[in-house]
C-alpha atoms as a PDB file:
ATOM      1  CA  MET A   1       5.511  17.596   4.489  1.00  0.00           C
ATOM      2  CA  LEU A   2       4.326  14.888   2.059  1.00  0.00           C
ATOM      3  CA  LEU A   3       3.156  11.705   3.805  1.00  0.00           C
ATOM      4  CA  ASN A   4       1.302  10.052   0.938  1.00  0.00           C
ATOM      5  CA  CYS A   5       2.433   8.898  -2.485  1.00  0.00           C
ATOM      6  CA  PRO A   6       0.689  10.766  -5.297  1.00  0.00           C
ATOM      7  CA  LEU A   7      -2.392   8.854  -6.426  1.00  0.00           C
ATOM      8  CA  PRO A   8      -1.149   6.491  -9.153  1.00  0.00           C
ATOM      9  CA  LEU A   9      -2.534   6.692 -12.657  1.00  0.00           C
ATOM     10  CA  ALA A  10      -4.992   3.979 -13.662  1.00  0.00           C
ATOM     11  CA  THR A  11      -2.699   2.932 -16.505  1.00  0.00           C
ATOM     12  CA  THR A  12       1.064   3.365 -16.708  1.00  0.00           C
ATOM     13  CA  ASP A  13       4.015   1.827 -18.508  1.00  0.00           C
ATOM     14  CA  ARG A  14       6.369   2.471 -15.591  1.00  0.00           C
ATOM     15  CA  VAL A  15       6.729   1.082 -12.081  1.00  0.00           C
ATOM     16  CA  LEU A  16       5.367   3.533  -9.509  1.00  0.00           C
ATOM     17  CA  LEU A  17       6.136   3.831  -5.814  1.00  0.00           C
ATOM     18  CA  GLY A  18       2.579   2.638  -5.154  1.00  0.00           C
ATOM     19  CA  HIS A  19       3.431  -0.736  -6.717  1.00  0.00           C
ATOM     20  CA  GLY A  20       5.291  -1.501  -3.488  1.00  0.00           C
ATOM     21  CA  SER A  21       2.447  -0.497  -1.167  1.00  0.00           C
ATOM     22  CA  GLY A  22       0.927  -3.922  -0.564  1.00  0.00           C
ATOM     23  CA  GLY A  23      -2.323  -2.477  -1.942  1.00  0.00           C
ATOM     24  CA  LYS A  24      -4.131  -2.444  -5.272  1.00  0.00           C
ATOM     25  CA  LEU A  25      -1.111  -1.730  -7.457  1.00  0.00           C
ATOM     26  CA  SER A  26       0.920  -4.450  -5.762  1.00  0.00           C
ATOM     27  CA  ALA A  27      -1.891  -6.911  -6.456  1.00  0.00           C
ATOM     28  CA  GLU A  28      -2.021  -5.792 -10.089  1.00  0.00           C
ATOM     29  CA  LEU A  29       1.743  -6.264 -10.447  1.00  0.00           C
ATOM     30  CA  MET A  30       1.421  -9.818  -9.167  1.00  0.00           C
ATOM     31  CA  ARG A  31      -1.651 -10.591 -11.278  1.00  0.00           C
ATOM     32  CA  ASP A  32      -0.483  -9.037 -14.545  1.00  0.00           C
ATOM     33  CA  ILE A  33       3.284  -9.685 -14.571  1.00  0.00           C
ATOM     34  CA  PHE A  34       4.596 -12.174 -12.035  1.00  0.00           C
ATOM     35  CA  LEU A  35       1.889 -14.832 -11.894  1.00  0.00           C
ATOM     36  CA  PRO A  36       1.660 -15.256 -15.703  1.00  0.00           C
ATOM     37  CA  ALA A  37       5.450 -15.403 -16.022  1.00  0.00           C
ATOM     38  CA  LEU A  38       6.133 -17.697 -13.062  1.00  0.00           C
ATOM     39  CA  SER A  39       2.875 -19.651 -12.911  1.00  0.00           C
ATOM     40  CA  ASN A  40       2.757 -22.788 -10.779  1.00  0.00           C
ATOM     41  CA  PRO A  41       0.283 -24.189  -8.221  1.00  0.00           C
ATOM     42  CA  ILE A  42       2.436 -23.344  -5.191  1.00  0.00           C
ATOM     43  CA  LEU A  43       2.879 -19.698  -6.140  1.00  0.00           C
ATOM     44  CA  ALA A  44      -0.790 -19.390  -7.090  1.00  0.00           C
ATOM     45  CA  ARG A  45      -1.818 -19.855  -3.442  1.00  0.00           C
ATOM     46  CA  LEU A  46      -0.513 -16.309  -2.761  1.00  0.00           C
ATOM     47  CA  ASP A  47       0.136 -17.008   0.894  1.00  0.00           C
ATOM     48  CA  ASP A  48       2.960 -15.329   2.822  1.00  0.00           C
ATOM     49  CA  GLN A  49       5.147 -18.357   2.177  1.00  0.00           C
ATOM     50  CA  ALA A  50       5.403 -21.388  -0.076  1.00  0.00           C
ATOM     51  CA  GLN A  51       4.322 -24.636   1.565  1.00  0.00           C
ATOM     52  CA  LEU A  52       6.336 -27.577   0.229  1.00  0.00           C
ATOM     53  CA  GLU A  53       6.430 -31.332   0.759  1.00  0.00           C
ATOM     54  CA  ILE A  54       9.950 -32.757   0.502  1.00  0.00           C
ATOM     55  CA  GLY A  55      10.993 -36.203   1.660  1.00  0.00           C
ATOM     56  CA  GLY A  56       7.886 -36.629   3.761  1.00  0.00           C
ATOM     57  CA  LEU A  57       8.372 -33.278   5.509  1.00  0.00           C
ATOM     58  CA  ARG A  58       6.139 -30.223   5.188  1.00  0.00           C
ATOM     59  CA  LEU A  59       8.267 -27.110   4.843  1.00  0.00           C
ATOM     60  CA  ALA A  60       7.492 -23.392   4.746  1.00  0.00           C
ATOM     61  CA  PHE A  61       9.779 -21.329   2.515  1.00  0.00           C
ATOM     62  CA  THR A  62       9.783 -17.537   2.182  1.00  0.00           C
ATOM     63  CA  THR A  63      11.922 -14.620   1.049  1.00  0.00           C
ATOM     64  CA  ASP A  64      11.680 -10.889   1.703  1.00  0.00           C
ATOM     65  CA  SER A  65      13.617  -7.699   0.978  1.00  0.00           C
ATOM     66  CA  PHE A  66      13.927  -4.759   3.365  1.00  0.00           C
ATOM     67  CA  VAL A  67      14.435  -1.148   2.308  1.00  0.00           C
ATOM     68  CA  VAL A  68      13.214   0.646   5.438  1.00  0.00           C
ATOM     69  CA  LYS A  69      14.108   4.306   5.913  1.00  0.00           C
ATOM     70  CA  PRO A  70      15.593   5.238   8.339  1.00  0.00           C
ATOM     71  CA  LEU A  71      17.768   2.192   8.971  1.00  0.00           C
ATOM     72  CA  PHE A  72      17.586   2.740  12.754  1.00  0.00           C
ATOM     73  CA  PHE A  73      14.333   3.586  14.525  1.00  0.00           C
ATOM     74  CA  PRO A  74      12.811   3.337  18.029  1.00  0.00           C
ATOM     75  CA  GLY A  75      12.257  -0.344  18.753  1.00  0.00           C
ATOM     76  CA  GLY A  76      14.602  -1.764  16.133  1.00  0.00           C
ATOM     77  CA  ASP A  77      16.590  -1.392  12.941  1.00  0.00           C
ATOM     78  CA  ILE A  78      16.727  -2.930   9.481  1.00  0.00           C
ATOM     79  CA  GLY A  79      18.657  -5.940  10.812  1.00  0.00           C
ATOM     80  CA  SER A  80      16.243  -7.047  13.530  1.00  0.00           C
ATOM     81  CA  LEU A  81      13.305  -6.109  11.291  1.00  0.00           C
ATOM     82  CA  ALA A  82      14.567  -8.443   8.533  1.00  0.00           C
ATOM     83  CA  VAL A  83      14.861 -11.351  10.954  1.00  0.00           C
ATOM     84  CA  HIS A  84      11.455 -10.737  12.514  1.00  0.00           C
ATOM     85  CA  GLY A  85       9.691 -10.216   9.206  1.00  0.00           C
ATOM     86  CA  THR A  86      11.020 -13.427   7.681  1.00  0.00           C
ATOM     87  CA  ILE A  87      10.283 -15.489  10.780  1.00  0.00           C
ATOM     88  CA  ASN A  88       6.745 -14.104  10.832  1.00  0.00           C
ATOM     89  CA  ASP A  89       6.062 -15.116   7.238  1.00  0.00           C
ATOM     90  CA  LEU A  90       7.036 -18.672   8.194  1.00  0.00           C
ATOM     91  CA  ALA A  91       4.998 -18.525  11.392  1.00  0.00           C
ATOM     92  CA  MET A  92       1.868 -17.540   9.459  1.00  0.00           C
ATOM     93  CA  ALA A  93       1.888 -21.099   8.069  1.00  0.00           C
ATOM     94  CA  GLY A  94       2.174 -22.480  11.595  1.00  0.00           C
ATOM     95  CA  ALA A  95       5.806 -23.376  10.877  1.00  0.00           C
ATOM     96  CA  ARG A  96       8.656 -23.600  13.353  1.00  0.00           C
ATOM     97  CA  PRO A  97      11.385 -21.366  11.883  1.00  0.00           C
ATOM     98  CA  LEU A  98      14.713 -23.138  11.444  1.00  0.00           C
ATOM     99  CA  TYR A  99      17.199 -21.338   9.197  1.00  0.00           C
ATOM    100  CA  LEU A 100      17.617 -17.961   7.514  1.00  0.00           C
ATOM    101  CA  SER A 101      19.844 -16.470   4.841  1.00  0.00           C
ATOM    102  CA  ALA A 102      20.980 -12.842   4.744  1.00  0.00           C
ATOM    103  CA  ALA A 103      22.024 -10.904   1.639  1.00  0.00           C
ATOM    104  CA  TYR A 104      23.384  -7.352   1.941  1.00  0.00           C
ATOM    105  CA  VAL A 105      23.343  -4.761  -0.853  1.00  0.00           C
ATOM    106  CA  ILE A 106      25.635  -2.009   0.462  1.00  0.00           C
ATOM    107  CA  GLU A 107      26.236   1.419  -0.998  1.00  0.00           C
ATOM    108  CA  GLU A 108      29.848   2.514  -1.413  1.00  0.00           C
ATOM    109  CA  GLY A 109      30.800   4.799   1.470  1.00  0.00           C
ATOM    110  CA  PHE A 110      28.415   3.218   3.990  1.00  0.00           C
ATOM    111  CA  PRO A 111      29.888   3.517   7.521  1.00  0.00           C
ATOM    112  CA  LEU A 112      31.442   0.274   8.742  1.00  0.00           C
ATOM    113  CA  ALA A 113      30.292   1.075  12.278  1.00  0.00           C
ATOM    114  CA  ASP A 114      26.651   1.103  11.106  1.00  0.00           C
ATOM    115  CA  LEU A 115      27.166  -2.117   9.141  1.00  0.00           C
ATOM    116  CA  ARG A 116      28.613  -3.814  12.224  1.00  0.00           C
ATOM    117  CA  ARG A 117      25.721  -2.522  14.346  1.00  0.00           C
ATOM    118  CA  ILE A 118      23.160  -3.928  11.885  1.00  0.00           C
ATOM    119  CA  ALA A 119      24.924  -7.296  11.577  1.00  0.00           C
ATOM    120  CA  ASP A 120      25.116  -7.564  15.375  1.00  0.00           C
ATOM    121  CA  SER A 121      21.418  -6.730  15.626  1.00  0.00           C
ATOM    122  CA  MET A 122      20.550  -9.456  13.103  1.00  0.00           C
ATOM    123  CA  GLY A 123      22.608 -11.961  15.070  1.00  0.00           C
ATOM    124  CA  ARG A 124      20.939 -11.076  18.364  1.00  0.00           C
ATOM    125  CA  ALA A 125      17.452 -11.201  16.877  1.00  0.00           C
ATOM    126  CA  ALA A 126      18.109 -14.608  15.332  1.00  0.00           C
ATOM    127  CA  GLN A 127      19.594 -15.979  18.542  1.00  0.00           C
ATOM    128  CA  GLN A 128      16.686 -14.715  20.618  1.00  0.00           C
ATOM    129  CA  ALA A 129      14.246 -16.341  18.195  1.00  0.00           C
ATOM    130  CA  GLY A 130      16.124 -19.658  18.208  1.00  0.00           C
ATOM    131  CA  VAL A 131      17.047 -19.629  14.508  1.00  0.00           C
ATOM    132  CA  SER A 132      20.397 -19.645  12.710  1.00  0.00           C
ATOM    133  CA  ILE A 133      21.542 -17.487   9.804  1.00  0.00           C
ATOM    134  CA  VAL A 134      23.405 -20.129   7.836  1.00  0.00           C
ATOM    135  CA  THR A 135      24.222 -18.558   4.452  1.00  0.00           C
ATOM    136  CA  GLY A 136      24.262 -15.202   2.730  1.00  0.00           C
ATOM    137  CA  ASP A 137      25.737 -12.822   0.199  1.00  0.00           C
ATOM    138  CA  THR A 138      27.259  -9.340   0.033  1.00  0.00           C
ATOM    139  CA  LYS A 139      27.192  -6.910  -2.871  1.00  0.00           C
ATOM    140  CA  VAL A 140      28.588  -3.366  -2.944  1.00  0.00           C
ATOM    141  CA  VAL A 141      27.184  -0.842  -5.428  1.00  0.00           C
ATOM    142  CA  GLU A 142      28.315   2.656  -6.374  1.00  0.00           C
ATOM    143  CA  ARG A 143      27.264   5.721  -4.427  1.00  0.00           C
ATOM    144  CA  GLY A 144      23.618   6.652  -4.909  1.00  0.00           C
ATOM    145  CA  ALA A 145      22.529   3.170  -6.018  1.00  0.00           C
ATOM    146  CA  ALA A 146      21.246   1.689  -2.745  1.00  0.00           C
ATOM    147  CA  ASP A 147      20.393   4.528  -0.335  1.00  0.00           C
ATOM    148  CA  GLY A 148      22.805   3.112   2.222  1.00  0.00           C
ATOM    149  CA  LEU A 149      21.794  -0.511   2.663  1.00  0.00           C
ATOM    150  CA  PHE A 150      19.179  -2.969   1.428  1.00  0.00           C
ATOM    151  CA  LEU A 151      18.691  -6.422   2.952  1.00  0.00           C
ATOM    152  CA  ASN A 152      17.206  -9.651   1.625  1.00  0.00           C
ATOM    153  CA  THR A 153      16.417 -12.591   3.869  1.00  0.00           C
ATOM    154  CA  THR A 154      15.114 -16.056   3.091  1.00  0.00           C
ATOM    155  CA  GLY A 155      13.751 -18.491   5.641  1.00  0.00           C
ATOM    156  CA  ILE A 156      12.781 -22.107   5.936  1.00  0.00           C
ATOM    157  CA  GLY A 157      10.691 -23.751   8.646  1.00  0.00           C
ATOM    158  CA  LEU A 158       8.980 -27.026   9.507  1.00  0.00           C
ATOM    159  CA  ILE A 159       5.172 -27.248   9.442  1.00  0.00           C
ATOM    160  CA  PRO A 160       3.584 -29.771  11.842  1.00  0.00           C
ATOM    161  CA  ALA A 161       1.681 -32.539  10.060  1.00  0.00           C
ATOM    162  CA  SER A 162      -1.558 -31.591  11.826  1.00  0.00           C
ATOM    163  CA  VAL A 163      -1.512 -27.926  10.733  1.00  0.00           C
ATOM    164  CA  THR A 164      -3.084 -26.611   7.509  1.00  0.00           C
ATOM    165  CA  ILE A 165      -3.313 -22.832   7.328  1.00  0.00           C
ATOM    166  CA  SER A 166      -4.229 -20.719   4.302  1.00  0.00           C
ATOM    167  CA  ALA A 167      -6.077 -17.520   3.431  1.00  0.00           C
ATOM    168  CA  ALA A 168      -8.336 -19.617   1.204  1.00  0.00           C
ATOM    169  CA  ALA A 169      -9.616 -21.537   4.248  1.00  0.00           C
ATOM    170  CA  ALA A 170     -11.747 -18.740   5.792  1.00  0.00           C
ATOM    171  CA  ARG A 171     -15.445 -19.667   6.085  1.00  0.00           C
ATOM    172  CA  PRO A 172     -18.601 -17.633   6.822  1.00  0.00           C
ATOM    173  CA  GLY A 173     -19.197 -17.514  10.566  1.00  0.00           C
ATOM    174  CA  ASP A 174     -15.497 -17.624  11.435  1.00  0.00           C
ATOM    175  CA  VAL A 175     -14.176 -15.129  13.971  1.00  0.00           C
ATOM    176  CA  ILE A 176     -11.493 -12.510  13.225  1.00  0.00           C
ATOM    177  CA  LEU A 177      -8.915 -12.030  15.994  1.00  0.00           C
ATOM    178  CA  LEU A 178      -6.179  -9.383  16.175  1.00  0.00           C
ATOM    179  CA  SER A 179      -3.176  -9.886  18.453  1.00  0.00           C
ATOM    180  CA  GLY A 180      -2.772  -6.260  19.552  1.00  0.00           C
ATOM    181  CA  SER A 181      -2.791  -2.560  18.735  1.00  0.00           C
ATOM    182  CA  LEU A 182      -2.513  -1.285  15.170  1.00  0.00           C
ATOM    183  CA  GLY A 183      -0.091   1.167  13.606  1.00  0.00           C
ATOM    184  CA  ASP A 184       2.786   1.141  16.106  1.00  0.00           C
ATOM    185  CA  HIS A 185       5.498   0.338  13.553  1.00  0.00           C
ATOM    186  CA  GLY A 186       4.345   2.648  10.779  1.00  0.00           C
ATOM    187  CA  ILE A 187       3.878   5.662  13.032  1.00  0.00           C
ATOM    188  CA  ALA A 188       7.234   5.038  14.780  1.00  0.00           C
ATOM    189  CA  ILE A 189       8.961   4.957  11.382  1.00  0.00           C
ATOM    190  CA  MET A 190       7.163   8.090  10.225  1.00  0.00           C
ATOM    191  CA  ALA A 191       8.074   9.970  13.405  1.00  0.00           C
ATOM    192  CA  ALA A 192      11.741   8.958  13.141  1.00  0.00           C
ATOM    193  CA  ARG A 193      11.886   9.802   9.429  1.00  0.00           C
ATOM    194  CA  GLU A 194      10.282  13.220   9.719  1.00  0.00           C
ATOM    195  CA  GLY A 195      11.754  14.192  13.089  1.00  0.00           C
ATOM    196  CA  LEU A 196       8.323  14.545  14.676  1.00  0.00           C
ATOM    197  CA  GLN A 197       8.071  14.954  18.434  1.00  0.00           C
ATOM    198  CA  PHE A 198       5.223  13.555  20.549  1.00  0.00           C
ATOM    199  CA  ASP A 199       4.569  13.534  24.282  1.00  0.00           C
ATOM    200  CA  THR A 200       5.537   9.843  24.403  1.00  0.00           C
ATOM    201  CA  VAL A 201       8.123   7.932  22.374  1.00  0.00           C
ATOM    202  CA  LEU A 202       6.450   5.925  19.606  1.00  0.00           C
ATOM    203  CA  THR A 203       8.127   2.537  19.325  1.00  0.00           C
ATOM    204  CA  SER A 204       7.964  -0.079  16.592  1.00  0.00           C
ATOM    205  CA  ASP A 205       6.179  -3.328  17.474  1.00  0.00           C
ATOM    206  CA  SER A 206       8.750  -5.376  15.513  1.00  0.00           C
ATOM    207  CA  ALA A 207       8.878  -8.883  17.025  1.00  0.00           C
ATOM    208  CA  ALA A 208       9.101 -12.551  16.077  1.00  0.00           C
ATOM    209  CA  LEU A 209       5.626 -14.072  16.391  1.00  0.00           C
ATOM    210  CA  HIS A 210       6.326 -17.798  16.135  1.00  0.00           C
ATOM    211  CA  THR A 211       6.035 -18.503  19.865  1.00  0.00           C
ATOM    212  CA  LEU A 212       2.678 -16.712  19.950  1.00  0.00           C
ATOM    213  CA  VAL A 213       1.517 -18.882  17.043  1.00  0.00           C
ATOM    214  CA  GLU A 214       2.708 -22.018  18.881  1.00  0.00           C
ATOM    215  CA  ALA A 215       0.567 -21.056  21.882  1.00  0.00           C
ATOM    216  CA  MET A 216      -2.444 -20.445  19.649  1.00  0.00           C
ATOM    217  CA  LEU A 217      -2.054 -23.773  17.846  1.00  0.00           C
ATOM    218  CA  ALA A 218      -1.731 -25.577  21.171  1.00  0.00           C
ATOM    219  CA  ALA A 219      -5.158 -24.160  22.062  1.00  0.00           C
ATOM    220  CA  ALA A 220      -6.752 -24.957  18.665  1.00  0.00           C
ATOM    221  CA  PRO A 221      -4.729 -26.819  16.008  1.00  0.00           C
ATOM    222  CA  ALA A 222      -7.388 -26.158  13.344  1.00  0.00           C
ATOM    223  CA  ILE A 223      -6.812 -22.391  12.977  1.00  0.00           C
ATOM    224  CA  ARG A 224      -7.998 -21.482   9.464  1.00  0.00           C
ATOM    225  CA  CYS A 225      -5.774 -18.563   8.528  1.00  0.00           C
ATOM    226  CA  LEU A 226      -2.954 -16.437   9.928  1.00  0.00           C
ATOM    227  CA  ARG A 227      -1.557 -13.237   8.414  1.00  0.00           C
ATOM    228  CA  ASP A 228       0.688 -10.456   9.692  1.00  0.00           C
ATOM    229  CA  PRO A 229      -0.664  -7.041   8.605  1.00  0.00           C
ATOM    230  CA  THR A 230       2.539  -5.431   7.334  1.00  0.00           C
ATOM    231  CA  ARG A 231       2.465  -3.288   4.154  1.00  0.00           C
ATOM    232  CA  GLY A 232      -1.057  -1.997   3.608  1.00  0.00           C
ATOM    233  CA  GLY A 233      -1.974  -2.715   7.227  1.00  0.00           C
ATOM    234  CA  LEU A 234      -5.103  -4.478   8.440  1.00  0.00           C
ATOM    235  CA  SER A 235      -7.058  -3.291   5.412  1.00  0.00           C
ATOM    236  CA  SER A 236      -4.895  -5.007   2.797  1.00  0.00           C
ATOM    237  CA  THR A 237      -4.578  -8.149   4.895  1.00  0.00           C
ATOM    238  CA  LEU A 238      -8.328  -8.631   5.280  1.00  0.00           C
ATOM    239  CA  ASN A 239      -8.989  -7.721   1.656  1.00  0.00           C
ATOM    240  CA  GLU A 240      -6.486 -10.365   0.542  1.00  0.00           C
ATOM    241  CA  ILE A 241      -8.096 -13.018   2.746  1.00  0.00           C
ATOM    242  CA  ALA A 242     -11.573 -12.039   1.532  1.00  0.00           C
ATOM    243  CA  ALA A 243     -10.483 -12.337  -2.101  1.00  0.00           C
ATOM    244  CA  GLN A 244      -8.688 -15.660  -1.666  1.00  0.00           C
ATOM    245  CA  SER A 245     -11.524 -17.259   0.314  1.00  0.00           C
ATOM    246  CA  ALA A 246     -14.404 -15.648  -1.647  1.00  0.00           C
ATOM    247  CA  THR A 247     -15.968 -14.431   1.598  1.00  0.00           C
ATOM    248  CA  GLY A 248     -16.789 -11.083   3.175  1.00  0.00           C
ATOM    249  CA  MET A 249     -15.182  -9.547   6.261  1.00  0.00           C
ATOM    250  CA  ARG A 250     -17.079  -7.439   8.791  1.00  0.00           C
ATOM    251  CA  ILE A 251     -15.039  -5.635  11.436  1.00  0.00           C
ATOM    252  CA  LEU A 252     -16.082  -3.434  14.358  1.00  0.00           C
ATOM    253  CA  GLU A 253     -14.318  -0.098  14.774  1.00  0.00           C
ATOM    254  CA  THR A 254     -14.989  -0.031  18.523  1.00  0.00           C
ATOM    255  CA  GLU A 255     -13.219  -3.393  19.041  1.00  0.00           C
ATOM    256  CA  ILE A 256      -9.991  -2.650  17.137  1.00  0.00           C
ATOM    257  CA  PRO A 257      -7.187  -1.807  19.623  1.00  0.00           C
ATOM    258  CA  ILE A 258      -5.238   1.353  18.733  1.00  0.00           C
ATOM    259  CA  ARG A 259      -2.972   3.185  21.179  1.00  0.00           C
ATOM    260  CA  ASP A 260      -4.068   6.726  22.021  1.00  0.00           C
ATOM    261  CA  GLU A 261      -0.750   8.185  20.850  1.00  0.00           C
ATOM    262  CA  VAL A 262      -0.986   6.330  17.519  1.00  0.00           C
ATOM    263  CA  ARG A 263      -4.604   7.382  17.041  1.00  0.00           C
ATOM    264  CA  GLY A 264      -3.689  10.973  17.837  1.00  0.00           C
ATOM    265  CA  ALA A 265      -0.747  10.964  15.434  1.00  0.00           C
ATOM    266  CA  CYS A 266      -2.915   9.503  12.672  1.00  0.00           C
ATOM    267  CA  GLU A 267      -5.624  12.115  13.220  1.00  0.00           C
ATOM    268  CA  MET A 268      -3.082  14.930  13.184  1.00  0.00           C
ATOM    269  CA  LEU A 269      -1.418  13.692  10.000  1.00  0.00           C
ATOM    270  CA  GLY A 270      -4.512  12.562   8.129  1.00  0.00           C
ATOM    271  CA  LEU A 271      -3.606   8.868   8.197  1.00  0.00           C
ATOM    272  CA  ASP A 272      -5.972   5.923   8.703  1.00  0.00           C
ATOM    273  CA  PRO A 273      -4.578   3.375  11.205  1.00  0.00           C
ATOM    274  CA  LEU A 274      -6.317   0.571   9.304  1.00  0.00           C
ATOM    275  CA  TYR A 275      -3.775   1.119   6.507  1.00  0.00           C
ATOM    276  CA  VAL A 276      -0.650   1.665   8.621  1.00  0.00           C
ATOM    277  CA  ALA A 277       1.986  -1.086   8.665  1.00  0.00           C
ATOM    278  CA  ASN A 278       2.659  -3.369  11.629  1.00  0.00           C
ATOM    279  CA  GLU A 279       5.612  -5.703  12.208  1.00  0.00           C
ATOM    280  CA  GLY A 280       4.697  -7.537  15.390  1.00  0.00           C
ATOM    281  CA  LYS A 281       0.980  -8.228  15.075  1.00  0.00           C
ATOM    282  CA  LEU A 282      -1.080 -10.978  13.479  1.00  0.00           C
ATOM    283  CA  VAL A 283      -4.623 -11.554  12.280  1.00  0.00           C
ATOM    284  CA  ALA A 284      -6.195 -14.966  12.912  1.00  0.00           C
ATOM    285  CA  ILE A 285      -9.302 -16.434  11.305  1.00  0.00           C
ATOM    286  CA  VAL A 286     -10.695 -19.187  13.536  1.00  0.00           C
ATOM    287  CA  ALA A 287     -13.822 -21.302  13.714  1.00  0.00           C
ATOM    288  CA  PRO A 288     -16.383 -19.842  16.147  1.00  0.00           C
ATOM    289  CA  GLU A 289     -16.123 -22.828  18.492  1.00  0.00           C
ATOM    290  CA  ASP A 290     -12.342 -22.236  18.825  1.00  0.00           C
ATOM    291  CA  ALA A 291     -12.405 -18.451  19.190  1.00  0.00           C
ATOM    292  CA  ASP A 292     -12.533 -18.219  22.991  1.00  0.00           C
ATOM    293  CA  ALA A 293      -9.731 -20.745  23.487  1.00  0.00           C
ATOM    294  CA  VAL A 294      -7.458 -19.097  20.928  1.00  0.00           C
ATOM    295  CA  LEU A 295      -8.130 -15.601  22.283  1.00  0.00           C
ATOM    296  CA  ALA A 296      -7.365 -16.756  25.828  1.00  0.00           C
ATOM    297  CA  ALA A 297      -4.107 -18.352  24.651  1.00  0.00           C
ATOM    298  CA  MET A 298      -3.132 -15.136  22.865  1.00  0.00           C
ATOM    299  CA  ARG A 299      -3.761 -13.021  25.943  1.00  0.00           C
ATOM    300  CA  THR A 300      -1.496 -15.180  28.101  1.00  0.00           C
ATOM    301  CA  HIS A 301       1.453 -14.528  25.735  1.00  0.00           C
ATOM    302  CA  PRO A 302       3.459 -11.275  26.027  1.00  0.00           C
ATOM    303  CA  LEU A 303       2.930 -10.508  22.325  1.00  0.00           C
ATOM    304  CA  GLY A 304      -0.830 -11.063  22.506  1.00  0.00           C
ATOM    305  CA  ARG A 305      -1.867  -9.602  25.837  1.00  0.00           C
ATOM    306  CA  ASN A 306      -3.985  -6.940  24.093  1.00  0.00           C
ATOM    307  CA  ALA A 307      -5.566  -9.367  21.633  1.00  0.00           C
ATOM    308  CA  ALA A 308      -9.166  -8.712  20.656  1.00  0.00           C
ATOM    309  CA  ARG A 309     -12.076 -10.176  18.739  1.00  0.00           C
ATOM    310  CA  ILE A 310     -12.613  -7.574  16.018  1.00  0.00           C
ATOM    311  CA  GLY A 311     -15.196  -9.083  13.643  1.00  0.00           C
ATOM    312  CA  ALA A 312     -16.407 -12.044  11.666  1.00  0.00           C
ATOM    313  CA  VAL A 313     -16.267 -13.642   8.241  1.00  0.00           C
ATOM    314  CA  THR A 314     -19.536 -13.292   6.322  1.00  0.00           C
ATOM    315  CA  GLN A 315     -21.251 -14.811   3.330  1.00  0.00           C
ATOM    316  CA  GLU A 316     -22.394 -11.381   2.188  1.00  0.00           C
ATOM    317  CA  ASN A 317     -20.160  -8.891   0.387  1.00  0.00           C
ATOM    318  CA  ALA A 318     -17.800 -11.565  -0.921  1.00  0.00           C
ATOM    319  CA  GLY A 319     -14.339 -10.165  -1.565  1.00  0.00           C
ATOM    320  CA  ARG A 320     -14.999  -7.015   0.477  1.00  0.00           C
ATOM    321  CA  VAL A 321     -14.220  -5.705   3.944  1.00  0.00           C
ATOM    322  CA  VAL A 322     -16.989  -3.743   5.711  1.00  0.00           C
ATOM    323  CA  LEU A 323     -16.326  -1.631   8.805  1.00  0.00           C
ATOM    324  CA  GLN A 324     -19.094  -0.925  11.313  1.00  0.00           C
ATOM    325  CA  THR A 325     -18.170   2.478  12.699  1.00  0.00           C
ATOM    326  CA  ALA A 326     -18.500   3.753  16.239  1.00  0.00           C
ATOM    327  CA  TYR A 327     -21.582   5.658  15.066  1.00  0.00           C
ATOM    328  CA  GLY A 328     -23.365   2.510  13.886  1.00  0.00           C
ATOM    329  CA  THR A 329     -22.890   3.251  10.178  1.00  0.00           C
ATOM    330  CA  THR A 330     -20.912   1.064   7.780  1.00  0.00           C
ATOM    331  CA  ARG A 331     -18.305   1.764   5.135  1.00  0.00           C
ATOM    332  CA  ILE A 332     -16.232  -0.266   2.711  1.00  0.00           C
ATOM    333  CA  VAL A 333     -12.568  -0.629   3.699  1.00  0.00           C
ATOM    334  CA  ASP A 334     -10.803  -0.996   0.380  1.00  0.00           C
ATOM    335  CA  MET A 335      -7.152  -1.578  -0.441  1.00  0.00           C
ATOM    336  CA  LEU A 336      -5.080   1.549  -0.955  1.00  0.00           C
ATOM    337  CA  ALA A 337      -4.193   2.490  -4.503  1.00  0.00           C
ATOM    338  CA  GLY A 338      -1.043   4.283  -3.382  1.00  0.00           C
ATOM    339  CA  ASP A 339       1.012   4.156  -0.210  1.00  0.00           C
ATOM    340  CA  GLN A 340       0.417   6.183   2.955  1.00  0.00           C
ATOM    341  CA  LEU A 341       4.060   5.859   3.969  1.00  0.00           C
ATOM    342  CA  PRO A 342       6.640   4.269   1.632  1.00  0.00           C
ATOM    343  CA  ARG A 343       9.816   2.460   2.746  1.00  0.00           C
ATOM    344  CA  ILE A 344       8.196   1.000   5.866  1.00  0.00           C
ATOM    345  CA  CYS A 345       9.967  -2.365   5.785  1.00  0.00           C
END
């Protein structure tokens, strides 16, 4: 059973599966192709969303495509995942999500019962999150061209005037907070895809995080940075923040929450939970004087009850993430070149 993409070549004239990993090849694709072609100051921020000022309002604007396999998995499906993922990209700017779009690319022969189930799931997820899906599109392609169904969602939200959040804002001495356990989504997807059986059912953590962010901002409006560790996991997220802020990140292995069943599955399959995708967790970079208040606010929310302080931003090792292991040694946590588990979201 193959769980990892083959290690990509250093140079290639073709798109590889690893280009979609959220790791090194994804960063190279952005740096070498998209940024030069589409260059503008808003895009150059490389945050999870564009932050716009229109008519005196500060808006967050984001788009995302979902190609998860399988379409249905414990804890969710491609429909609810698309809603949650788009809301979370808005929430990472401190925005209140308002409206979403939904575009369906459907393969000829796709069961109408499954399409109805996914559309209903999207509607429920949006309603529960307090947002409306107000526009969309449908395309049907020939058999074999879409692997069943692909989804694209776009979202817009309102950023409070007092909130300024960006990966570039991290400063040495800041505290790194994590809202809960790592790897739940990625391992749940892998188990469903490969038909693996464990003693307990592994369930995706897919959830809309905007109400958790609201609680955190109420405790400390000056949060520096928020990111949800999706593709590439915690490793890619912290590496991106370190690069954008020109700081180092030091994290403590003993403080990172990981469920026993996820840790066991990762050990059995040779996966590193630091690189496994999550869909209902966030990383927060906060000033040291705000850390206790923000952590307390997170732990009072259902989606942050297992939140933990996992490390600090440093002046040393700028652009790098360093892990202090349970044995007291340290190692560099780099971005993946390939992808531990493709088609996660």
